[in-house]
N, C-alpha and C. Protein backbone atom coordinates (compact mmCIF):
# COMPACT_ATOMS: atom_id res chain seq x y z
N MET A 1 19.30 186.15 120.63
CA MET A 1 18.66 184.61 120.42
C MET A 1 16.97 184.81 121.13
N TYR A 2 16.28 184.42 120.88
CA TYR A 2 15.04 184.57 121.60
C TYR A 2 14.44 182.82 121.89
N GLU A 3 13.50 182.77 122.75
CA GLU A 3 12.83 181.38 123.02
C GLU A 3 11.64 181.63 122.43
N TYR A 4 11.07 180.56 122.63
CA TYR A 4 9.50 180.52 122.37
C TYR A 4 8.53 180.30 123.55
N ILE A 5 7.69 180.83 124.17
CA ILE A 5 6.55 180.43 124.99
C ILE A 5 5.21 180.19 124.25
N LYS A 6 4.49 179.46 124.88
CA LYS A 6 3.03 178.86 124.57
C LYS A 6 2.24 179.89 125.10
N ILE A 7 1.50 180.79 124.35
CA ILE A 7 0.49 181.52 124.80
C ILE A 7 -0.85 181.10 123.85
N ASP A 8 -1.94 181.26 124.59
CA ASP A 8 -3.22 181.08 123.62
C ASP A 8 -3.28 179.70 122.61
N GLY A 9 -2.04 178.70 123.12
CA GLY A 9 -2.18 177.81 122.41
C GLY A 9 -1.36 177.95 121.07
N LYS A 10 -0.63 179.05 121.03
CA LYS A 10 0.14 179.45 119.91
C LYS A 10 1.62 179.77 120.78
N LYS A 11 2.87 179.19 119.84
CA LYS A 11 3.88 179.30 120.12
C LYS A 11 4.63 180.61 119.69
N MET A 12 4.88 181.44 120.77
CA MET A 12 5.24 183.11 120.42
C MET A 12 6.81 183.22 120.63
N PRO A 13 7.32 184.04 119.88
CA PRO A 13 8.98 183.94 120.30
C PRO A 13 8.73 185.18 121.27
N ILE A 14 9.73 185.18 122.29
CA ILE A 14 9.73 186.10 123.28
C ILE A 14 11.39 186.34 123.33
N LYS A 15 11.93 187.70 123.92
CA LYS A 15 13.22 188.11 123.79
C LYS A 15 13.55 189.10 124.63
N PHE A 16 14.16 189.22 125.84
CA PHE A 16 14.29 190.54 126.88
C PHE A 16 15.97 190.73 126.45
N GLY A 17 16.07 191.38 125.26
CA GLY A 17 17.47 192.01 124.72
C GLY A 17 17.19 193.53 124.93
N PHE A 18 18.12 194.59 124.53
CA PHE A 18 18.31 195.50 124.85
C PHE A 18 17.07 196.38 124.17
N SER A 19 16.54 195.86 123.03
CA SER A 19 15.77 196.28 122.26
C SER A 19 14.19 196.46 123.08
N ALA A 20 14.19 195.47 123.57
CA ALA A 20 12.85 194.89 124.53
C ALA A 20 12.96 195.81 125.72
N LEU A 21 14.17 195.92 126.59
CA LEU A 21 14.65 196.83 127.80
C LEU A 21 14.17 198.29 127.25
N ARG A 22 14.96 198.71 126.25
CA ARG A 22 14.56 200.09 125.53
C ARG A 22 13.27 200.59 125.66
N ASN A 23 12.23 199.91 125.10
CA ASN A 23 10.91 199.65 124.71
C ASN A 23 10.18 200.08 126.25
N PHE A 24 10.39 198.92 127.25
CA PHE A 24 10.24 198.83 128.26
C PHE A 24 10.10 199.97 129.08
N SER A 25 11.45 200.65 129.42
CA SER A 25 12.11 201.86 130.05
C SER A 25 11.20 202.85 129.25
N LYS A 26 11.27 203.02 127.96
CA LYS A 26 10.35 204.16 127.60
C LYS A 26 8.79 204.10 127.97
N LEU A 27 8.17 202.88 127.79
CA LEU A 27 6.84 203.01 128.24
C LEU A 27 6.62 203.06 129.74
N THR A 28 7.52 202.46 130.50
CA THR A 28 7.23 202.76 132.04
C THR A 28 8.10 203.81 132.94
N GLY A 29 9.14 204.25 132.20
CA GLY A 29 10.05 205.19 132.88
C GLY A 29 11.00 203.90 133.89
N VAL A 30 10.85 203.20 134.22
CA VAL A 30 11.54 201.96 134.90
C VAL A 30 13.25 202.26 134.32
N THR A 31 14.19 202.32 135.04
CA THR A 31 15.56 202.72 134.97
C THR A 31 16.26 201.28 134.83
N LEU A 32 17.68 201.25 134.08
CA LEU A 32 18.45 200.28 134.42
C LEU A 32 18.51 199.50 135.78
N LYS A 33 18.91 200.67 136.36
CA LYS A 33 19.09 200.15 138.06
C LYS A 33 17.88 199.35 138.59
N GLU A 34 16.61 200.16 138.15
CA GLU A 34 15.13 199.30 139.10
C GLU A 34 15.03 198.17 138.43
N MET A 35 15.74 197.94 137.30
CA MET A 35 15.34 196.33 136.43
C MET A 35 16.13 195.37 137.57
N GLU A 36 17.59 195.99 137.93
CA GLU A 36 18.22 195.29 138.72
C GLU A 36 17.52 194.36 139.99
N THR A 37 16.42 195.14 140.42
CA THR A 37 15.58 194.81 141.96
C THR A 37 14.48 194.14 141.62
N PHE A 38 14.13 193.76 140.38
CA PHE A 38 12.98 193.30 140.03
C PHE A 38 12.79 191.82 141.08
N GLY A 39 11.37 191.87 141.37
CA GLY A 39 11.11 190.49 142.17
C GLY A 39 9.73 190.49 142.40
N GLN A 40 9.71 190.24 143.82
CA GLN A 40 8.33 190.07 144.30
C GLN A 40 7.52 191.41 144.05
N ASP A 41 8.43 192.66 144.40
CA ASP A 41 7.52 193.65 144.37
C ASP A 41 6.96 194.32 143.41
N MET A 42 7.11 193.51 142.12
CA MET A 42 6.75 194.01 140.88
C MET A 42 5.26 194.18 140.47
N THR A 43 4.96 195.41 140.00
CA THR A 43 3.42 195.64 140.15
C THR A 43 2.93 194.97 138.73
N PHE A 44 1.69 194.58 138.67
CA PHE A 44 1.23 193.74 137.64
C PHE A 44 1.16 194.41 136.52
N ASP A 45 1.21 195.69 136.35
CA ASP A 45 0.98 196.56 135.06
C ASP A 45 2.42 196.50 134.44
N VAL A 46 3.60 196.53 135.52
CA VAL A 46 4.98 196.73 134.97
C VAL A 46 5.24 195.06 134.57
N ALA A 47 4.83 194.03 135.23
CA ALA A 47 5.12 192.64 134.75
C ALA A 47 4.17 192.47 133.21
N ILE A 48 3.30 192.85 133.17
CA ILE A 48 2.41 192.84 131.92
C ILE A 48 3.38 193.40 130.62
N THR A 49 3.64 194.78 131.39
CA THR A 49 4.41 195.47 129.93
C THR A 49 5.94 195.02 129.65
N LEU A 50 6.46 194.28 130.53
CA LEU A 50 7.86 193.80 130.42
C LEU A 50 7.40 192.80 129.40
N ILE A 51 6.34 191.87 129.66
CA ILE A 51 6.34 190.34 129.01
C ILE A 51 5.94 190.89 127.59
N TRP A 52 5.13 191.88 127.52
CA TRP A 52 4.86 192.46 126.23
C TRP A 52 5.81 192.95 125.37
N CYS A 53 6.91 193.64 126.15
CA CYS A 53 7.75 194.19 125.07
C CYS A 53 8.53 192.89 124.87
N GLY A 54 8.71 191.58 125.61
CA GLY A 54 9.87 190.55 125.19
C GLY A 54 9.00 189.83 124.14
N LEU A 55 7.62 189.86 124.02
CA LEU A 55 7.05 189.17 122.88
C LEU A 55 6.97 190.21 121.98
N LYS A 56 6.95 191.45 121.84
CA LYS A 56 7.17 192.44 120.75
C LYS A 56 8.56 191.98 120.08
N ASP A 57 9.76 192.00 121.30
CA ASP A 57 11.03 191.99 120.67
C ASP A 57 11.35 190.59 119.93
N GLY A 58 10.98 189.76 120.68
CA GLY A 58 10.73 188.36 119.92
C GLY A 58 10.15 188.37 118.42
N ALA A 59 9.10 188.85 118.35
CA ALA A 59 8.43 188.95 116.87
C ALA A 59 9.41 189.45 116.06
N ARG A 60 10.22 190.60 116.56
CA ARG A 60 11.11 191.43 115.71
C ARG A 60 12.07 190.41 115.22
N ALA A 61 12.85 189.88 116.04
CA ALA A 61 13.86 188.97 116.08
C ALA A 61 13.48 188.04 115.05
N ALA A 62 12.56 187.26 115.40
CA ALA A 62 12.33 186.24 114.40
C ALA A 62 11.59 186.83 113.08
N LYS A 63 11.27 187.68 113.06
CA LYS A 63 10.89 188.37 111.49
C LYS A 63 9.36 188.15 111.62
N GLU A 64 8.99 187.94 112.53
CA GLU A 64 7.37 187.59 112.40
C GLU A 64 6.73 188.85 112.63
N ASP A 65 5.44 188.78 112.22
CA ASP A 65 4.26 189.91 112.17
C ASP A 65 4.08 190.02 113.94
N PHE A 66 3.66 191.17 114.08
CA PHE A 66 3.21 191.27 115.65
C PHE A 66 2.02 192.18 115.95
N ASP A 67 0.96 191.62 116.07
CA ASP A 67 -0.18 192.33 116.17
C ASP A 67 -1.04 192.01 117.78
N PHE A 68 -0.37 191.44 118.54
CA PHE A 68 -0.51 191.00 119.84
C PHE A 68 -0.44 192.03 120.75
N THR A 69 -1.55 192.93 121.12
CA THR A 69 -1.69 193.97 122.30
C THR A 69 -1.38 193.60 123.93
N SER A 70 -1.28 194.32 124.71
CA SER A 70 -1.34 194.14 126.08
C SER A 70 -2.35 193.74 126.75
N ASP A 71 -3.67 194.20 125.88
CA ASP A 71 -5.09 193.51 126.25
C ASP A 71 -5.28 192.16 125.89
N ASP A 72 -4.53 192.02 124.70
CA ASP A 72 -4.62 190.24 124.40
C ASP A 72 -3.94 189.43 125.19
N LEU A 73 -2.76 189.98 125.82
CA LEU A 73 -2.12 189.30 126.67
C LEU A 73 -2.79 189.32 128.16
N CYS A 74 -3.58 190.10 128.56
CA CYS A 74 -4.25 189.88 129.61
C CYS A 74 -5.20 189.34 129.30
N ASP A 75 -5.75 189.02 128.19
CA ASP A 75 -6.85 187.77 128.10
C ASP A 75 -6.28 186.85 128.17
N ALA A 76 -4.93 186.35 127.75
CA ALA A 76 -4.43 185.42 127.83
C ALA A 76 -4.32 184.79 129.19
N MET A 77 -3.93 185.84 129.91
CA MET A 77 -3.53 185.49 131.19
C MET A 77 -4.78 185.30 131.94
N ASP A 78 -5.93 185.54 131.67
CA ASP A 78 -7.22 185.40 132.26
C ASP A 78 -7.58 183.98 132.20
N GLU A 79 -7.08 183.09 131.40
CA GLU A 79 -7.07 181.53 130.93
C GLU A 79 -6.11 180.84 131.74
N ASP A 80 -4.74 181.35 131.72
CA ASP A 80 -3.59 180.68 132.04
C ASP A 80 -2.78 181.75 132.63
N THR A 81 -2.53 181.69 134.04
CA THR A 81 -1.89 182.58 134.97
C THR A 81 -0.52 182.22 135.02
N SER A 82 -0.47 181.00 134.24
CA SER A 82 1.08 180.55 134.69
C SER A 82 2.28 181.38 133.52
N ILE A 83 1.64 182.45 132.59
CA ILE A 83 2.27 183.08 131.58
C ILE A 83 3.39 183.86 132.46
N ILE A 84 2.87 184.56 133.39
CA ILE A 84 3.99 185.48 134.00
C ILE A 84 5.11 184.85 134.68
N GLU A 85 4.57 183.84 135.54
CA GLU A 85 5.82 182.68 136.06
C GLU A 85 6.77 182.21 134.72
N ARG A 86 5.98 181.64 133.88
CA ARG A 86 7.12 181.27 132.64
C ARG A 86 7.79 182.50 131.77
N SER A 87 7.51 183.39 131.80
CA SER A 87 7.87 184.78 131.16
C SER A 87 8.97 185.11 132.03
N MET A 88 8.77 185.14 133.40
CA MET A 88 9.82 185.87 134.17
C MET A 88 11.13 185.00 134.19
N VAL A 89 10.81 183.27 134.14
CA VAL A 89 11.72 182.75 133.98
C VAL A 89 12.73 182.90 132.82
N ILE A 90 12.01 182.89 131.77
CA ILE A 90 12.68 183.53 130.43
C ILE A 90 13.79 184.71 130.88
N PHE A 91 13.12 185.49 131.51
CA PHE A 91 13.62 187.02 131.59
C PHE A 91 14.68 186.78 132.69
N THR A 92 14.69 185.94 133.38
CA THR A 92 15.76 185.76 134.53
C THR A 92 16.85 184.99 133.68
N ASP A 93 16.81 184.22 133.00
CA ASP A 93 17.54 183.09 132.18
C ASP A 93 18.55 184.14 131.38
N MET A 94 17.66 184.77 130.61
CA MET A 94 18.43 185.75 129.67
C MET A 94 19.09 187.04 130.08
N MET A 95 18.78 187.64 131.47
CA MET A 95 19.47 188.27 132.05
C MET A 95 20.78 188.12 132.69
N SER A 96 20.48 186.85 133.40
CA SER A 96 21.70 186.20 133.63
C SER A 96 22.76 185.58 132.70
N LYS A 97 22.14 185.47 131.73
CA LYS A 97 23.11 185.06 130.26
C LYS A 97 24.23 186.07 129.86
N ASN A 98 23.11 187.21 130.01
CA ASN A 98 24.04 188.43 129.37
C ASN A 98 24.81 189.13 130.28
N GLU A 99 24.43 188.99 131.75
CA GLU A 99 25.51 189.43 132.66
C GLU A 99 26.68 188.44 132.58
N LYS A 100 26.37 187.31 132.59
CA LYS A 100 28.01 186.49 132.60
C LYS A 100 28.83 186.46 131.46
N LYS A 101 27.80 187.29 129.81
CA LYS A 101 28.74 187.62 128.92
C LYS A 101 29.37 188.72 129.24
N SER A 102 28.66 189.71 130.07
CA SER A 102 29.31 190.86 130.20
C SER A 102 30.47 191.04 131.01
N GLN A 103 30.46 190.25 131.95
CA GLN A 103 31.43 190.03 133.19
C GLN A 103 32.89 189.23 132.35
N ALA A 104 32.30 188.49 131.44
CA ALA A 104 33.75 187.72 131.10
C ALA A 104 34.41 188.40 129.92
N ARG A 105 33.74 189.22 129.38
CA ARG A 105 34.21 190.46 128.53
C ARG A 105 35.29 191.75 129.42
N MET A 106 34.69 191.62 130.66
CA MET A 106 35.27 192.56 131.12
C MET A 106 36.54 192.00 132.18
N LYS A 107 36.57 191.04 132.10
CA LYS A 107 38.00 190.71 133.13
C LYS A 107 39.19 190.63 132.49
N PRO A 108 40.09 191.15 133.03
CA PRO A 108 41.39 191.39 132.19
C PRO A 108 42.06 189.96 131.89
N SER A 109 42.85 190.08 130.78
CA SER A 109 43.34 189.01 130.45
C SER A 109 44.73 188.94 131.11
N ARG A 110 45.11 187.65 131.29
CA ARG A 110 46.46 187.34 131.97
C ARG A 110 47.34 187.11 130.81
N PRO A 111 48.81 187.59 131.45
CA PRO A 111 49.55 187.41 130.55
C PRO A 111 50.25 185.95 130.07
N LYS A 112 50.48 185.75 128.96
CA LYS A 112 50.75 184.15 128.89
C LYS A 112 52.20 183.92 129.46
N LYS A 113 52.51 182.76 130.00
CA LYS A 113 53.62 182.27 130.50
C LYS A 113 54.30 182.05 129.56
N LYS A 114 55.54 182.06 129.92
CA LYS A 114 56.65 181.84 128.95
C LYS A 114 57.35 180.23 128.91
């Protein structure tokens, strides 16, 4: 599932699924383990690349064309610095939902009482 985020006056789909994380990892070399520790120490470049990968994957999931570059994203951030914060909220929400789903699947089922 994807959400929408408003960037440069346009609603754009954004999704931080495995496709986005795979692309992000390929571009940055950041591992899954390192992603667990994202927070205040994230570099500006890492944040922009993560958001761009989320936008690219959102467009793929929504079956929309995607010609938005990371430089376009930076230009939009020049006008609206809240893009990073809003995107990171979506990232955190999506990651926590995925984690909860994974934990629910991994819990052993209890035998039914007779």
